[in-house]
Amino acid sequence: MAELLLELFSEEIPARMQARAAADLRRLASDALKAQDLGFDTAESYATPRRLAFVVDGLPTRRPDRREDKRGPRVGAPDRAIQGFADANNVPISTLVQKEAGKHAYWFATIETAGGEVADLLPAIVRDLIGRLAWPKSMRWGAGGTRWVRTLERVLCVFDGSPVALDLPDGIASGGIASGHRFHAPEPFPVFSFAGYRERLRAARVILDAAERRRLVADGAAKLAAAEGLAVRDDPGLLDEIAGLVEWPVPLAGRIDAEFMAVPDEVLITAMRSHQKYLSLLDADDKLAPRFVVVANLEADDGGAEIVAGNERVLRARLSDARFFWDQDRKTLLEDRLTSLEPMVFHAKLGNLAQKAARLEALAGEVAGFVPGADPGKARRAGRLAKADLTTEMVFEFPELQGTMGGHYARHDGEDEEVANAVAEHYLPLGPSGACPTAPLGVAVALADKIDTLAGFFAVGERPTGSGDPYALRRAALGVIRLVLENGIRLPLGEAFREAWRSYAETVPGFEDPPGTLERDLLDFFADRLKVHLRAEGVRHDLIAAVFALGDEDDLVRLRARVDALRGFLATEDGANLLVAHKRAANIVAIEEKKDGTAYSGPVEPAMLREPEERALSESLDAVGARAAPLVAGEAFDEAMTTLAGLRRPVDAFFDRVKVNAEDGGLRANRLRLLSGIRATMGSLADFSRIEG
């Protein structure tokens, strides 16, 4: 068995594209080998800034002969169709044979393909790989037609210890040659195996494994920070990006001038992170320290002194701009910036951001009434100012600081601290794992912002599609769900949507009241998002659907409690058995209703309950319904579900001893109404027909 090693060597590949490209290379190359009937033991891929590598072990050196029986026309088809099938497969018509396939007989052709040396197959496979590897953006160079993320200079291909010439277009070199670090060791060297390739690369100052480069960056930065009694700010995404920028990581510590430390930490961190890819360091109080870590891609003769000095000069210029924006922005109050929101379009059909601010002012005050501890007056003030920082120079330069800078400017303007914090947090949470506001005022304003957005975009028909969500409405809905569930907010979503639409009608000329069905559509959208959110907690999607199907539930906290109660009940023996009984009863009723063309949903006639099991079931249904109703009204959902356990024995006894389809038509109809009562009684707690299994 043999080993195949590929390396695609180019100019620098953007860090954000490397991991996906390595995974795609492994998948495409593995599939291409399997398509040639070439099995293997292991396949791995790697990425550095200048190379993608793929190694597969356990390949045969020769492809086996292949014999395939290919199905053609059905026996009895026109002669012309049969002849065409034979010609297409390059076999004489006399060699076709008849075989049974399913219910019919077909003509089959036996196609034999001779095997060959695997090395002879590789050039075509690799050329196809280069063309099929997709990039978010690609380029051509010179007069050639090859497309690649950057100029593709060379392809290394070594199979079974020998180089393979690939005959690539546009002057791209191929064979068994690799090279090391651009500055430390650019000289080419021969490659005969993956082990030797990796060792020679390390000797030539290239670490092939991105995970190892990331670990070296993290460990080196932590060591530099610890030497000064500091810690590295946790930033996994930045560590991943840095690992994709360097082939030989060398962390170095730099200094931030003291004059810039008066600028908010978030500004300094963002400037260093977004533009310079520096790691920030924190002191013992988790405050930004006047230090940073830059990761060089080489070992300098002076220990990195010039590299650090150069980066400090660049950072000084960058932070000078940030400090200028900070000083200039504070000269204008947030309140005075509101008129500057008028030219900023929120959406062509939903008005401008000044109108958005007016709606937030009103809606935040309404939502605050459902958030314990939130002052409606302060909520209105925070909603009014929430978008004002979008007019500042700082946010124009660093859009990711929207909200955060509004909080800083609000404090500078003398606004209440709760108001400032709410302004700062109103975009949160930013994702499924992002920080979620917990302060009452912050929760209220964050909810108002997202509800306004969802209500507006749904009203004008801008809903997410299967492949697109340009306005991040799924993220907004998930944000509402997290804010409500994590803080236990008893907010009726239907009422919130209606209040949002009233605000649109008051602020946006020409806005038309949406149809009455839109509220249900929005709640269904939330149900889908809730399923996604709870899936990570092991909550089945069908349980959520079973509760949502009741049609009157828009309180997510109460809905979650009902789902949890349903899940707990179904985990019991009584619950599992009753689910089966419910399905049996529902199926029988559905079949008979369809056959008879009538609904068996009326009350049961007590005088027609002939068998003791009928009477026992009817009495149990009445008793369970009477006990469950006040428990549901009091939101004691666990106890309400437990009452259903009282149905198990009478239901089992009924199915064991009572014939539903009695010869007496009146008796049969009464028993079908009794079965329908099982469905109705259990259906008052959840739609058990939505539950799978």
Foldseek 3Di string as FASTA:
>chain_A
DKKKKKKFFFAFDQLVFFVVLQVLLQVLLQVLCVVLVWDFDDKGWFDARTMIMIMTHRTDQKRAKDKDKAWAAFPVDDPVRLVVVCVVLVHDSVQWDWDDDPPTITTIDIHIGHMGGVLVVPLVSVQVSQQPRDDPDWDDDDPDDRIDNGGGAEMEIEMRQFWRFNPHPPNRYYTFWDWEDPPQTRDIDGDRDPVVVQVVRVVSQFHGHLVVLLVCQQVQVQVVQVVVQKGWDDDVVLSSSVSRVARHWDKDKAFADPVLLVQDPVLLCCLCCVPPSWIFIAHPVRGTDRMIIHIDRDQDPVRCPVVRVVVNVVSVVSSVVVVVLVVVQLVDALVRQLVVQQVAAPDPQQHTVSLQLQLLLVLLLVLLVQQPPAHSNLLSVLSNSLQSCVPGPSCVVVVVQRQVVSLVSCVSVVHDNLSSVLSNQLCPPPALPRDADQNSSNLSSNLSSLLLVLLVCLQVPNDADPVDDPPCNLRSLLNNLCSCQVRVGQDQSLVSSVSSLVSSPVRGPPRDDGDPCSSVVVQVSSLVSVCVSCVVVVQHSLLLVFLVVVPPDRGSNLSVLLSVLLVVLCVDPLNVQLLVLLVVLVVVQVVVCVVVVHHLADDADVVLQDDPLLVVLVVLLVVLLVVLVVCVVVSVNNVNSVSCSSNRVSSVVCVVPPDLPDPPPVSNSNSSNSSVSSQVSVSVSTNSVSDDD
